[in-house]
PDB file of N, CA and C in Angstrom:
ATOM      1  N   MET A   1      16.902  10.130   3.534  1.00  0.00           N
ATOM      2  CA  MET A   1      15.964   9.111   3.138  1.00  0.00           C
ATOM      3  C   MET A   1      14.946   8.857   4.244  1.00  0.00           C
ATOM      4  N   GLU A   2      15.413   8.766   5.495  1.00  0.00           N
ATOM      5  CA  GLU A   2      14.495   8.530   6.600  1.00  0.00           C
ATOM      6  C   GLU A   2      13.553   9.712   6.794  1.00  0.00           C
ATOM      7  N   ARG A   3      14.051  10.910   6.504  1.00  0.00           N
ATOM      8  CA  ARG A   3      13.196  12.089   6.641  1.00  0.00           C
ATOM      9  C   ARG A   3      12.071  12.045   5.613  1.00  0.00           C
ATOM     10  N   ASN A   4      12.390  11.645   4.360  1.00  0.00           N
ATOM     11  CA  ASN A   4      11.355  11.532   3.337  1.00  0.00           C
ATOM     12  C   ASN A   4      10.304  10.510   3.737  1.00  0.00           C
ATOM     13  N   LEU A   5      10.748   9.399   4.312  1.00  0.00           N
ATOM     14  CA  LEU A   5       9.823   8.367   4.747  1.00  0.00           C
ATOM     15  C   LEU A   5       8.940   8.878   5.876  1.00  0.00           C
ATOM     16  N   LEU A   6       9.528   9.635   6.796  1.00  0.00           N
ATOM     17  CA  LEU A   6       8.768  10.206   7.900  1.00  0.00           C
ATOM     18  C   LEU A   6       7.719  11.185   7.381  1.00  0.00           C
ATOM     19  N   VAL A   7       8.081  12.029   6.423  1.00  0.00           N
ATOM     20  CA  VAL A   7       7.136  12.985   5.835  1.00  0.00           C
ATOM     21  C   VAL A   7       5.992  12.234   5.166  1.00  0.00           C
ATOM     22  N   PHE A   8       6.308  11.152   4.437  1.00  0.00           N
ATOM     23  CA  PHE A   8       5.290  10.351   3.772  1.00  0.00           C
ATOM     24  C   PHE A   8       4.278   9.809   4.782  1.00  0.00           C
ATOM     25  N   PHE A   9       4.768   9.228   5.893  1.00  0.00           N
ATOM     26  CA  PHE A   9       3.869   8.653   6.881  1.00  0.00           C
ATOM     27  C   PHE A   9       3.041   9.715   7.588  1.00  0.00           C
ATOM     28  N   VAL A  10       3.627  10.884   7.864  1.00  0.00           N
ATOM     29  CA  VAL A  10       2.875  11.954   8.512  1.00  0.00           C
ATOM     30  C   VAL A  10       1.739  12.410   7.609  1.00  0.00           C
ATOM     31  N   LEU A  11       2.031  12.590   6.318  1.00  0.00           N
ATOM     32  CA  LEU A  11       0.978  12.988   5.378  1.00  0.00           C
ATOM     33  C   LEU A  11      -0.074  11.901   5.251  1.00  0.00           C
ATOM     34  N   PHE A  12       0.369  10.659   5.160  1.00  0.00           N
ATOM     35  CA  PHE A  12      -0.565   9.544   5.030  1.00  0.00           C
ATOM     36  C   PHE A  12      -1.496   9.476   6.234  1.00  0.00           C
ATOM     37  N   LEU A  13      -0.927   9.587   7.431  1.00  0.00           N
ATOM     38  CA  LEU A  13      -1.747   9.502   8.639  1.00  0.00           C
ATOM     39  C   LEU A  13      -2.719  10.668   8.749  1.00  0.00           C
ATOM     40  N   SER A  14      -2.297  11.860   8.318  1.00  0.00           N
ATOM     41  CA  SER A  14      -3.204  12.999   8.397  1.00  0.00           C
ATOM     42  C   SER A  14      -4.380  12.834   7.436  1.00  0.00           C
ATOM     43  N   PHE A  15      -4.114  12.313   6.221  1.00  0.00           N
ATOM     44  CA  PHE A  15      -5.203  12.070   5.281  1.00  0.00           C
ATOM     45  C   PHE A  15      -6.106  10.950   5.778  1.00  0.00           C
ATOM     46  N   SER A  16      -5.513   9.911   6.359  1.00  0.00           N
ATOM     47  CA  SER A  16      -6.314   8.800   6.875  1.00  0.00           C
ATOM     48  C   SER A  16      -7.210   9.262   8.005  1.00  0.00           C
ATOM     49  N   ALA A  17      -6.684  10.089   8.882  1.00  0.00           N
ATOM     50  CA  ALA A  17      -7.477  10.581  10.014  1.00  0.00           C
ATOM     51  C   ALA A  17      -8.653  11.416   9.525  1.00  0.00           C
ATOM     52  N   SER A  18      -8.431  12.272   8.539  1.00  0.00           N
ATOM     53  CA  SER A  18      -9.524  13.106   8.046  1.00  0.00           C
ATOM     54  C   SER A  18     -10.572  12.258   7.339  1.00  0.00           C
ATOM     55  N   SER A  19     -10.144  11.219   6.636  1.00  0.00           N
ATOM     56  CA  SER A  19     -11.085  10.334   5.966  1.00  0.00           C
ATOM     57  C   SER A  19     -11.926   9.571   6.975  1.00  0.00           C
ATOM     58  N   CYS A  20     -11.278   9.074   8.031  1.00  0.00           N
ATOM     59  CA  CYS A  20     -12.002   8.334   9.068  1.00  0.00           C
ATOM     60  C   CYS A  20     -12.979   9.240   9.811  1.00  0.00           C
ATOM     61  N   SER A  21     -12.575  10.467  10.121  1.00  0.00           N
ATOM     62  CA  SER A  21     -13.474  11.356  10.845  1.00  0.00           C
ATOM     63  C   SER A  21     -14.678  11.718   9.978  1.00  0.00           C
ATOM     64  N   ALA A  22     -14.468  11.886   8.679  1.00  0.00           N
ATOM     65  CA  ALA A  22     -15.589  12.167   7.779  1.00  0.00           C
ATOM     66  C   ALA A  22     -16.533  10.974   7.714  1.00  0.00           C
ATOM     67  N   TYR A  23     -15.973   9.789   7.705  1.00  0.00           N
ATOM     68  CA  TYR A  23     -16.799   8.585   7.634  1.00  0.00           C
ATOM     69  C   TYR A  23     -17.658   8.423   8.888  1.00  0.00           C
ATOM     70  N   PHE A  24     -17.052   8.559  10.055  1.00  0.00           N
ATOM     71  CA  PHE A  24     -17.785   8.324  11.287  1.00  0.00           C
ATOM     72  C   PHE A  24     -18.713   9.480  11.659  1.00  0.00           C
ATOM     73  N   SER A  25     -18.499  10.653  11.083  1.00  0.00           N
ATOM     74  CA  SER A  25     -19.413  11.762  11.359  1.00  0.00           C
ATOM     75  C   SER A  25     -20.608  11.752  10.407  1.00  0.00           C
ATOM     76  N   GLY A  26     -20.564  10.841   9.411  1.00  0.00           N
ATOM     77  CA  GLY A  26     -21.674  10.723   8.483  1.00  0.00           C
ATOM     78  C   GLY A  26     -21.490  11.534   7.217  1.00  0.00           C
ATOM     79  N   ASP A  27     -20.336  12.216   7.057  1.00  0.00           N
ATOM     80  CA  ASP A  27     -20.100  13.006   5.855  1.00  0.00           C
ATOM     81  C   ASP A  27     -19.793  12.141   4.647  1.00  0.00           C
ATOM     82  N   ALA A  28     -19.255  10.952   4.849  1.00  0.00           N
ATOM     83  CA  ALA A  28     -18.933  10.059   3.744  1.00  0.00           C
ATOM     84  C   ALA A  28     -20.198   9.325   3.342  1.00  0.00           C
ATOM     85  N   ASP A  29     -20.336   9.056   2.039  1.00  0.00           N
ATOM     86  CA  ASP A  29     -21.568   8.472   1.565  1.00  0.00           C
ATOM     87  C   ASP A  29     -21.568   6.954   1.499  1.00  0.00           C
ATOM     88  N   SER A  30     -20.406   6.291   1.618  1.00  0.00           N
ATOM     89  CA  SER A  30     -20.381   4.832   1.578  1.00  0.00           C
ATOM     90  C   SER A  30     -19.046   4.309   2.079  1.00  0.00           C
ATOM     91  N   ASP A  31     -18.967   2.975   2.166  1.00  0.00           N
ATOM     92  CA  ASP A  31     -17.701   2.346   2.554  1.00  0.00           C
ATOM     93  C   ASP A  31     -16.612   2.623   1.532  1.00  0.00           C
ATOM     94  N   GLU A  32     -16.992   2.954   0.301  1.00  0.00           N
ATOM     95  CA  GLU A  32     -16.002   3.207  -0.741  1.00  0.00           C
ATOM     96  C   GLU A  32     -15.126   4.409  -0.394  1.00  0.00           C
ATOM     97  N   ALA A  33     -15.617   5.323   0.414  1.00  0.00           N
ATOM     98  CA  ALA A  33     -14.826   6.479   0.818  1.00  0.00           C
ATOM     99  C   ALA A  33     -13.582   6.052   1.576  1.00  0.00           C
ATOM    100  N   LEU A  34     -13.656   4.946   2.287  1.00  0.00           N
ATOM    101  CA  LEU A  34     -12.493   4.424   2.988  1.00  0.00           C
ATOM    102  C   LEU A  34     -11.794   3.335   2.195  1.00  0.00           C
ATOM    103  N   ALA A  35     -12.264   3.023   1.016  1.00  0.00           N
ATOM    104  CA  ALA A  35     -11.689   1.996   0.159  1.00  0.00           C
ATOM    105  C   ALA A  35     -11.635   0.651   0.868  1.00  0.00           C
ATOM    106  N   VAL A  36     -12.719   0.304   1.527  1.00  0.00           N
ATOM    107  CA  VAL A  36     -12.772  -0.954   2.255  1.00  0.00           C
ATOM    108  C   VAL A  36     -13.141  -2.065   1.280  1.00  0.00           C
ATOM    109  N   ALA A  37     -12.332  -3.120   1.264  1.00  0.00           N
ATOM    110  CA  ALA A  37     -12.621  -4.263   0.407  1.00  0.00           C
ATOM    111  C   ALA A  37     -13.165  -5.395   1.267  1.00  0.00           C
ATOM    112  N   PRO A  38     -14.127  -6.119   0.757  1.00  0.00           N
ATOM    113  CA  PRO A  38     -14.623  -7.267   1.505  1.00  0.00           C
ATOM    114  C   PRO A  38     -13.494  -8.274   1.736  1.00  0.00           C
ATOM    115  N   THR A  39     -13.585  -9.020   2.816  1.00  0.00           N
ATOM    116  CA  THR A  39     -12.563 -10.004   3.140  1.00  0.00           C
ATOM    117  C   THR A  39     -12.420 -11.010   2.002  1.00  0.00           C
ATOM    118  N   GLY A  40     -11.174 -11.277   1.624  1.00  0.00           N
ATOM    119  CA  GLY A  40     -10.910 -12.252   0.576  1.00  0.00           C
ATOM    120  C   GLY A  40     -10.787 -11.661  -0.819  1.00  0.00           C
ATOM    121  N   ARG A  41     -11.245 -10.422  -1.020  1.00  0.00           N
ATOM    122  CA  ARG A  41     -11.150  -9.796  -2.339  1.00  0.00           C
ATOM    123  C   ARG A  41      -9.835  -9.046  -2.458  1.00  0.00           C
ATOM    124  N   ALA A  42      -9.216  -9.152  -3.618  1.00  0.00           N
ATOM    125  CA  ALA A  42      -7.942  -8.482  -3.859  1.00  0.00           C
ATOM    126  C   ALA A  42      -8.157  -6.993  -4.080  1.00  0.00           C
ATOM    127  N   ARG A  43      -7.198  -6.210  -3.595  1.00  0.00           N
ATOM    128  CA  ARG A  43      -7.174  -4.768  -3.808  1.00  0.00           C
ATOM    129  C   ARG A  43      -5.727  -4.327  -3.790  1.00  0.00           C
ATOM    130  N   VAL A  44      -5.463  -3.095  -4.099  1.00  0.00           N
ATOM    131  CA  VAL A  44      -4.089  -2.601  -4.187  1.00  0.00           C
ATOM    132  C   VAL A  44      -3.599  -2.167  -2.804  1.00  0.00           C
ATOM    133  N   TYR A  45      -2.393  -2.603  -2.470  1.00  0.00           N
ATOM    134  CA  TYR A  45      -1.710  -2.220  -1.238  1.00  0.00           C
ATOM    135  C   TYR A  45      -0.390  -1.550  -1.594  1.00  0.00           C
ATOM    136  N   ILE A  46      -0.006  -0.553  -0.825  1.00  0.00           N
ATOM    137  CA  ILE A  46       1.293   0.098  -0.954  1.00  0.00           C
ATOM    138  C   ILE A  46       2.220  -0.575   0.051  1.00  0.00           C
ATOM    139  N   VAL A  47       3.372  -1.016  -0.436  1.00  0.00           N
ATOM    140  CA  VAL A  47       4.330  -1.733   0.402  1.00  0.00           C
ATOM    141  C   VAL A  47       5.608  -0.899   0.483  1.00  0.00           C
ATOM    142  N   VAL A  48       5.996  -0.514   1.691  1.00  0.00           N
ATOM    143  CA  VAL A  48       7.225   0.251   1.915  1.00  0.00           C
ATOM    144  C   VAL A  48       8.290  -0.736   2.365  1.00  0.00           C
ATOM    145  N   VAL A  49       9.437  -0.719   1.666  1.00  0.00           N
ATOM    146  CA  VAL A  49      10.506  -1.661   1.982  1.00  0.00           C
ATOM    147  C   VAL A  49      11.705  -0.944   2.590  1.00  0.00           C
ATOM    148  N   LYS A  50      12.509  -1.698   3.317  1.00  0.00           N
ATOM    149  CA  LYS A  50      13.714  -1.143   3.933  1.00  0.00           C
ATOM    150  C   LYS A  50      14.752  -0.921   2.843  1.00  0.00           C
ATOM    151  N   TRP A  51      15.262   0.310   2.776  1.00  0.00           N
ATOM    152  CA  TRP A  51      16.236   0.666   1.759  1.00  0.00           C
ATOM    153  C   TRP A  51      17.636   0.253   2.195  1.00  0.00           C
ATOM    154  N   HIS A  52      18.410  -0.227   1.238  1.00  0.00           N
ATOM    155  CA  HIS A  52      19.831  -0.479   1.464  1.00  0.00           C
ATOM    156  C   HIS A  52      20.560  -0.218   0.158  1.00  0.00           C
ATOM    157  N   LYS A  53      21.836   0.034   0.246  1.00  0.00           N
ATOM    158  CA  LYS A  53      22.633   0.373  -0.938  1.00  0.00           C
ATOM    159  C   LYS A  53      22.556  -0.767  -1.959  1.00  0.00           C
ATOM    160  N   GLY A  54      22.291  -0.400  -3.190  1.00  0.00           N
ATOM    161  CA  GLY A  54      22.208  -1.387  -4.261  1.00  0.00           C
ATOM    162  C   GLY A  54      20.858  -2.074  -4.381  1.00  0.00           C
ATOM    163  N   LEU A  55      19.848  -1.555  -3.702  1.00  0.00           N
ATOM    164  CA  LEU A  55      18.519  -2.163  -3.740  1.00  0.00           C
ATOM    165  C   LEU A  55      17.908  -2.026  -5.134  1.00  0.00           C
ATOM    166  N   ASP A  56      17.523  -3.140  -5.718  1.00  0.00           N
ATOM    167  CA  ASP A  56      16.751  -3.155  -6.963  1.00  0.00           C
ATOM    168  C   ASP A  56      15.314  -3.435  -6.546  1.00  0.00           C
ATOM    169  N   THR A  57      14.525  -2.369  -6.429  1.00  0.00           N
ATOM    170  CA  THR A  57      13.189  -2.470  -5.847  1.00  0.00           C
ATOM    171  C   THR A  57      12.296  -3.432  -6.621  1.00  0.00           C
ATOM    172  N   LYS A  58      12.353  -3.392  -7.943  1.00  0.00           N
ATOM    173  CA  LYS A  58      11.488  -4.275  -8.737  1.00  0.00           C
ATOM    174  C   LYS A  58      11.846  -5.742  -8.504  1.00  0.00           C
ATOM    175  N   HIS A  59      13.129  -6.055  -8.516  1.00  0.00           N
ATOM    176  CA  HIS A  59      13.556  -7.433  -8.278  1.00  0.00           C
ATOM    177  C   HIS A  59      13.156  -7.882  -6.869  1.00  0.00           C
ATOM    178  N   PHE A  60      13.357  -6.998  -5.888  1.00  0.00           N
ATOM    179  CA  PHE A  60      12.978  -7.307  -4.504  1.00  0.00           C
ATOM    180  C   PHE A  60      11.476  -7.543  -4.404  1.00  0.00           C
ATOM    181  N   ALA A  61      10.680  -6.708  -5.081  1.00  0.00           N
ATOM    182  CA  ALA A  61       9.217  -6.837  -5.035  1.00  0.00           C
ATOM    183  C   ALA A  61       8.777  -8.182  -5.609  1.00  0.00           C
ATOM    184  N   ILE A  62       9.314  -8.550  -6.754  1.00  0.00           N
ATOM    185  CA  ILE A  62       8.931  -9.819  -7.386  1.00  0.00           C
ATOM    186  C   ILE A  62       9.353 -11.004  -6.517  1.00  0.00           C
ATOM    187  N   ARG A  63      10.566 -10.941  -5.993  1.00  0.00           N
ATOM    188  CA  ARG A  63      11.067 -12.034  -5.144  1.00  0.00           C
ATOM    189  C   ARG A  63      10.207 -12.172  -3.876  1.00  0.00           C
ATOM    190  N   THR A  64       9.870 -11.048  -3.249  1.00  0.00           N
ATOM    191  CA  THR A  64       9.081 -11.078  -2.026  1.00  0.00           C
ATOM    192  C   THR A  64       7.646 -11.530  -2.305  1.00  0.00           C
ATOM    193  N   LEU A  65       7.052 -11.009  -3.371  1.00  0.00           N
ATOM    194  CA  LEU A  65       5.689 -11.423  -3.729  1.00  0.00           C
ATOM    195  C   LEU A  65       5.639 -12.907  -4.096  1.00  0.00           C
ATOM    196  N   THR A  66       6.701 -13.423  -4.702  1.00  0.00           N
ATOM    197  CA  THR A  66       6.745 -14.845  -5.059  1.00  0.00           C
ATOM    198  C   THR A  66       6.643 -15.723  -3.822  1.00  0.00           C
ATOM    199  N   THR A  67       7.294 -15.319  -2.730  1.00  0.00           N
ATOM    200  CA  THR A  67       7.225 -16.122  -1.507  1.00  0.00           C
ATOM    201  C   THR A  67       5.812 -16.138  -0.924  1.00  0.00           C
ATOM    202  N   VAL A  68       5.057 -15.065  -1.134  1.00  0.00           N
ATOM    203  CA  VAL A  68       3.697 -14.992  -0.593  1.00  0.00           C
ATOM    204  C   VAL A  68       2.682 -15.626  -1.545  1.00  0.00           C
ATOM    205  N   LEU A  69       2.838 -15.374  -2.846  1.00  0.00           N
ATOM    206  CA  LEU A  69       1.847 -15.823  -3.830  1.00  0.00           C
ATOM    207  C   LEU A  69       2.134 -17.205  -4.405  1.00  0.00           C
ATOM    208  N   GLY A  70       3.365 -17.686  -4.261  1.00  0.00           N
ATOM    209  CA  GLY A  70       3.666 -19.047  -4.686  1.00  0.00           C
ATOM    210  C   GLY A  70       4.323 -19.208  -6.043  1.00  0.00           C
ATOM    211  N   SER A  71       4.253 -18.197  -6.907  1.00  0.00           N
ATOM    212  CA  SER A  71       4.910 -18.315  -8.210  1.00  0.00           C
ATOM    213  C   SER A  71       5.349 -16.941  -8.712  1.00  0.00           C
ATOM    214  N   GLU A  72       6.372 -16.941  -9.533  1.00  0.00           N
ATOM    215  CA  GLU A  72       6.871 -15.688 -10.091  1.00  0.00           C
ATOM    216  C   GLU A  72       5.867 -15.078 -11.063  1.00  0.00           C
ATOM    217  N   VAL A  73       5.147 -15.929 -11.778  1.00  0.00           N
ATOM    218  CA  VAL A  73       4.129 -15.446 -12.724  1.00  0.00           C
ATOM    219  C   VAL A  73       3.030 -14.684 -11.965  1.00  0.00           C
ATOM    220  N   ALA A  74       2.576 -15.250 -10.851  1.00  0.00           N
ATOM    221  CA  ALA A  74       1.547 -14.585 -10.039  1.00  0.00           C
ATOM    222  C   ALA A  74       2.088 -13.295  -9.440  1.00  0.00           C
ATOM    223  N   ALA A  75       3.364 -13.299  -9.040  1.00  0.00           N
ATOM    224  CA  ALA A  75       3.984 -12.099  -8.467  1.00  0.00           C
ATOM    225  C   ALA A  75       4.049 -10.979  -9.495  1.00  0.00           C
ATOM    226  N   LYS A  76       4.462 -11.297 -10.725  1.00  0.00           N
ATOM    227  CA  LYS A  76       4.547 -10.280 -11.781  1.00  0.00           C
ATOM    228  C   LYS A  76       3.164  -9.756 -12.141  1.00  0.00           C
ATOM    229  N   LYS A  77       2.157 -10.614 -12.097  1.00  0.00           N
ATOM    230  CA  LYS A  77       0.790 -10.202 -12.405  1.00  0.00           C
ATOM    231  C   LYS A  77       0.229  -9.287 -11.311  1.00  0.00           C
ATOM    232  N   ALA A  78       0.607  -9.557 -10.052  1.00  0.00           N
ATOM    233  CA  ALA A  78       0.099  -8.767  -8.923  1.00  0.00           C
ATOM    234  C   ALA A  78       0.795  -7.414  -8.789  1.00  0.00           C
ATOM    235  N   LEU A  79       2.019  -7.301  -9.299  1.00  0.00           N
ATOM    236  CA  LEU A  79       2.787  -6.058  -9.170  1.00  0.00           C
ATOM    237  C   LEU A  79       2.151  -4.957 -10.010  1.00  0.00           C
ATOM    238  N   VAL A  80       1.798  -3.848  -9.368  1.00  0.00           N
ATOM    239  CA  VAL A  80       1.125  -2.738 -10.052  1.00  0.00           C
ATOM    240  C   VAL A  80       2.106  -1.624 -10.395  1.00  0.00           C
ATOM    241  N   TYR A  81       2.971  -1.254  -9.450  1.00  0.00           N
ATOM    242  CA  TYR A  81       3.893  -0.127  -9.649  1.00  0.00           C
ATOM    243  C   TYR A  81       5.076  -0.268  -8.696  1.00  0.00           C
ATOM    244  N   VAL A  82       6.231   0.243  -9.134  1.00  0.00           N
ATOM    245  CA  VAL A  82       7.433   0.232  -8.294  1.00  0.00           C
ATOM    246  C   VAL A  82       7.804   1.675  -7.978  1.00  0.00           C
ATOM    247  N   TYR A  83       7.972   1.982  -6.688  1.00  0.00           N
ATOM    248  CA  TYR A  83       8.354   3.322  -6.240  1.00  0.00           C
ATOM    249  C   TYR A  83       9.853   3.344  -5.955  1.00  0.00           C
ATOM    250  N   ASP A  84      10.556   4.310  -6.556  1.00  0.00           N
ATOM    251  CA  ASP A  84      12.000   4.417  -6.347  1.00  0.00           C
ATOM    252  C   ASP A  84      12.442   5.803  -5.899  1.00  0.00           C
ATOM    253  N   ASN A  85      11.654   6.835  -6.149  1.00  0.00           N
ATOM    254  CA  ASN A  85      12.128   8.199  -5.911  1.00  0.00           C
ATOM    255  C   ASN A  85      11.901   8.702  -4.492  1.00  0.00           C
ATOM    256  N   VAL A  86      10.684   8.766  -4.037  1.00  0.00           N
ATOM    257  CA  VAL A  86      10.393   9.331  -2.718  1.00  0.00           C
ATOM    258  C   VAL A  86      10.677   8.317  -1.616  1.00  0.00           C
ATOM    259  N   PHE A  87      10.283   7.085  -1.838  1.00  0.00           N
ATOM    260  CA  PHE A  87      10.541   6.009  -0.879  1.00  0.00           C
ATOM    261  C   PHE A  87      10.681   4.708  -1.657  1.00  0.00           C
ATOM    262  N   PRO A  88      11.434   3.748  -1.111  1.00  0.00           N
ATOM    263  CA  PRO A  88      11.535   2.455  -1.795  1.00  0.00           C
ATOM    264  C   PRO A  88      10.315   1.605  -1.461  1.00  0.00           C
ATOM    265  N   GLY A  89       9.651   1.139  -2.497  1.00  0.00           N
ATOM    266  CA  GLY A  89       8.483   0.321  -2.265  1.00  0.00           C
ATOM    267  C   GLY A  89       7.796  -0.040  -3.553  1.00  0.00           C
ATOM    268  N   PHE A  90       6.624  -0.623  -3.418  1.00  0.00           N
ATOM    269  CA  PHE A  90       5.870  -1.025  -4.597  1.00  0.00           C
ATOM    270  C   PHE A  90       4.396  -1.117  -4.246  1.00  0.00           C
ATOM    271  N   ALA A  91       3.571  -1.158  -5.278  1.00  0.00           N
ATOM    272  CA  ALA A  91       2.135  -1.361  -5.122  1.00  0.00           C
ATOM    273  C   ALA A  91       1.813  -2.718  -5.727  1.00  0.00           C
ATOM    274  N   ALA A  92       0.965  -3.474  -5.035  1.00  0.00           N
ATOM    275  CA  ALA A  92       0.602  -4.800  -5.517  1.00  0.00           C
ATOM    276  C   ALA A  92      -0.854  -5.084  -5.203  1.00  0.00           C
ATOM    277  N   LYS A  93      -1.487  -5.859  -6.066  1.00  0.00           N
ATOM    278  CA  LYS A  93      -2.878  -6.255  -5.859  1.00  0.00           C
ATOM    279  C   LYS A  93      -2.875  -7.549  -5.049  1.00  0.00           C
ATOM    280  N   LEU A  94      -3.388  -7.457  -3.811  1.00  0.00           N
ATOM    281  CA  LEU A  94      -3.346  -8.563  -2.867  1.00  0.00           C
ATOM    282  C   LEU A  94      -4.661  -8.696  -2.114  1.00  0.00           C
ATOM    283  N   THR A  95      -4.899  -9.862  -1.564  1.00  0.00           N
ATOM    284  CA  THR A  95      -6.020 -10.035  -0.640  1.00  0.00           C
ATOM    285  C   THR A  95      -5.533  -9.594   0.738  1.00  0.00           C
ATOM    286  N   PRO A  96      -6.439  -9.331   1.679  1.00  0.00           N
ATOM    287  CA  PRO A  96      -6.006  -8.950   3.027  1.00  0.00           C
ATOM    288  C   PRO A  96      -5.115 -10.010   3.696  1.00  0.00           C
ATOM    289  N   ILE A  97      -5.389 -11.278   3.450  1.00  0.00           N
ATOM    290  CA  ILE A  97      -4.563 -12.350   4.033  1.00  0.00           C
ATOM    291  C   ILE A  97      -3.157 -12.312   3.449  1.00  0.00           C
ATOM    292  N   GLU A  98      -3.055 -12.124   2.120  1.00  0.00           N
ATOM    293  CA  GLU A  98      -1.739 -12.034   1.477  1.00  0.00           C
ATOM    294  C   GLU A  98      -0.976 -10.814   1.976  1.00  0.00           C
ATOM    295  N   ALA A  99      -1.690  -9.709   2.181  1.00  0.00           N
ATOM    296  CA  ALA A  99      -1.038  -8.484   2.673  1.00  0.00           C
ATOM    297  C   ALA A  99      -0.475  -8.698   4.079  1.00  0.00           C
ATOM    298  N   SER A 100      -1.212  -9.387   4.934  1.00  0.00           N
ATOM    299  CA  SER A 100      -0.701  -9.634   6.282  1.00  0.00           C
ATOM    300  C   SER A 100       0.490 -10.581   6.261  1.00  0.00           C
ATOM    301  N   LYS A 101       0.496 -11.570   5.358  1.00  0.00           N
ATOM    302  CA  LYS A 101       1.655 -12.453   5.206  1.00  0.00           C
ATOM    303  C   LYS A 101       2.857 -11.663   4.700  1.00  0.00           C
ATOM    304  N   LEU A 102       2.618 -10.756   3.758  1.00  0.00           N
ATOM    305  CA  LEU A 102       3.696  -9.953   3.189  1.00  0.00           C
ATOM    306  C   LEU A 102       4.325  -9.050   4.235  1.00  0.00           C
ATOM    307  N   GLU A 103       3.511  -8.507   5.122  1.00  0.00           N
ATOM    308  CA  GLU A 103       4.004  -7.596   6.148  1.00  0.00           C
ATOM    309  C   GLU A 103       4.965  -8.290   7.119  1.00  0.00           C
ATOM    310  N   LYS A 104       4.867  -9.597   7.231  1.00  0.00           N
ATOM    311  CA  LYS A 104       5.737 -10.365   8.127  1.00  0.00           C
ATOM    312  C   LYS A 104       7.081 -10.733   7.488  1.00  0.00           C
ATOM    313  N   GLN A 105       7.240 -10.471   6.181  1.00  0.00           N
ATOM    314  CA  GLN A 105       8.479 -10.804   5.482  1.00  0.00           C
ATOM    315  C   GLN A 105       9.599  -9.854   5.903  1.00  0.00           C
ATOM    316  N   SER A 106      10.839 -10.344   5.867  1.00  0.00           N
ATOM    317  CA  SER A 106      11.970  -9.475   6.217  1.00  0.00           C
ATOM    318  C   SER A 106      12.163  -8.425   5.127  1.00  0.00           C
ATOM    319  N   GLY A 107      12.535  -7.234   5.535  1.00  0.00           N
ATOM    320  CA  GLY A 107      12.750  -6.139   4.597  1.00  0.00           C
ATOM    321  C   GLY A 107      11.509  -5.309   4.323  1.00  0.00           C
ATOM    322  N   ILE A 108      10.356  -5.728   4.836  1.00  0.00           N
ATOM    323  CA  ILE A 108       9.110  -4.991   4.635  1.00  0.00           C
ATOM    324  C   ILE A 108       8.869  -4.127   5.870  1.00  0.00           C
ATOM    325  N   LEU A 109       8.742  -2.819   5.658  1.00  0.00           N
ATOM    326  CA  LEU A 109       8.494  -1.908   6.772  1.00  0.00           C
ATOM    327  C   LEU A 109       7.010  -1.708   7.039  1.00  0.00           C
ATOM    328  N   ARG A 110       6.233  -1.619   5.971  1.00  0.00           N
ATOM    329  CA  ARG A 110       4.814  -1.281   6.145  1.00  0.00           C
ATOM    330  C   ARG A 110       4.020  -1.729   4.928  1.00  0.00           C
ATOM    331  N   VAL A 111       2.812  -2.225   5.149  1.00  0.00           N
ATOM    332  CA  VAL A 111       1.876  -2.573   4.081  1.00  0.00           C
ATOM    333  C   VAL A 111       0.568  -1.867   4.409  1.00  0.00           C
ATOM    334  N   VAL A 112       0.160  -0.943   3.536  1.00  0.00           N
ATOM    335  CA  VAL A 112      -1.061  -0.167   3.778  1.00  0.00           C
ATOM    336  C   VAL A 112      -1.959  -0.214   2.546  1.00  0.00           C
ATOM    337  N   PRO A 113      -3.267  -0.223   2.751  1.00  0.00           N
ATOM    338  CA  PRO A 113      -4.185  -0.195   1.606  1.00  0.00           C
ATOM    339  C   PRO A 113      -4.047   1.115   0.842  1.00  0.00           C
ATOM    340  N   ASP A 114      -4.125   1.032  -0.469  1.00  0.00           N
ATOM    341  CA  ASP A 114      -4.101   2.230  -1.306  1.00  0.00           C
ATOM    342  C   ASP A 114      -5.493   2.845  -1.274  1.00  0.00           C
ATOM    343  N   ILE A 115      -5.571   4.068  -0.811  1.00  0.00           N
ATOM    344  CA  ILE A 115      -6.862   4.750  -0.666  1.00  0.00           C
ATOM    345  C   ILE A 115      -6.971   5.838  -1.728  1.00  0.00           C
ATOM    346  N   THR A 116      -8.095   5.883  -2.396  1.00  0.00           N
ATOM    347  CA  THR A 116      -8.349   6.916  -3.387  1.00  0.00           C
ATOM    348  C   THR A 116      -9.158   8.026  -2.732  1.00  0.00           C
ATOM    349  N   TYR A 117      -8.638   9.227  -2.814  1.00  0.00           N
ATOM    350  CA  TYR A 117      -9.343  10.391  -2.285  1.00  0.00           C
ATOM    351  C   TYR A 117      -9.974  11.151  -3.441  1.00  0.00           C
ATOM    352  N   HIS A 118     -11.192  11.593  -3.247  1.00  0.00           N
ATOM    353  CA  HIS A 118     -11.906  12.334  -4.282  1.00  0.00           C
ATOM    354  C   HIS A 118     -11.980  13.803  -3.878  1.00  0.00           C
ATOM    355  N   LEU A 119     -11.638  14.666  -4.795  1.00  0.00           N
ATOM    356  CA  LEU A 119     -11.686  16.093  -4.560  1.00  0.00           C
ATOM    357  C   LEU A 119     -13.133  16.547  -4.450  1.00  0.00           C
ATOM    358  N   MET A 120     -13.416  17.255  -3.394  1.00  0.00           N
ATOM    359  CA  MET A 120     -14.778  17.781  -3.224  1.00  0.00           C
ATOM    360  C   MET A 120     -14.766  19.236  -3.687  1.00  0.00           C
ATOM    361  N   SER A 121     -15.662  19.553  -4.604  1.00  0.00           N
ATOM    362  CA  SER A 121     -15.688  20.881  -5.168  1.00  0.00           C
ATOM    363  C   SER A 121     -17.114  21.376  -5.279  1.00  0.00           C
ATOM    364  N   MET A 122     -17.257  22.667  -5.285  1.00  0.00           N
ATOM    365  CA  MET A 122     -18.570  23.273  -5.441  1.00  0.00           C
ATOM    366  C   MET A 122     -18.910  23.440  -6.933  1.00  0.00           C
ATOM    367  N   TYR A 123     -17.960  23.186  -7.815  1.00  0.00           N
ATOM    368  CA  TYR A 123     -18.183  23.434  -9.248  1.00  0.00           C
ATOM    369  C   TYR A 123     -18.230  22.161 -10.033  1.00  0.00           C
TER     370      TYR A 123
END
């Protein structure tokens, strides 16, 4: 499990580095290439949680989001996807302030913005 998580982060960091280098070299055409959201606007974040035996990722995600967002209804509305196969985690639509609060919760390993990469083709 830890090896899968390590592979995920290595791939993520390599894609992030290439995206940043393209942006700063002028190859990227806008801030959208880095999926930068203005402060205060909600966007999707990928949340990696600490795995333990018997973990119900969806229940954990709703419970954790409830502590940050204030209600279970808001938590269920913010939850976008639950990851169970490659790594334990979930995707949620949050503001940058909510994401930083979430990252401080126990059981949360990492909170990263979801970045969309576009295939560049000659055709």
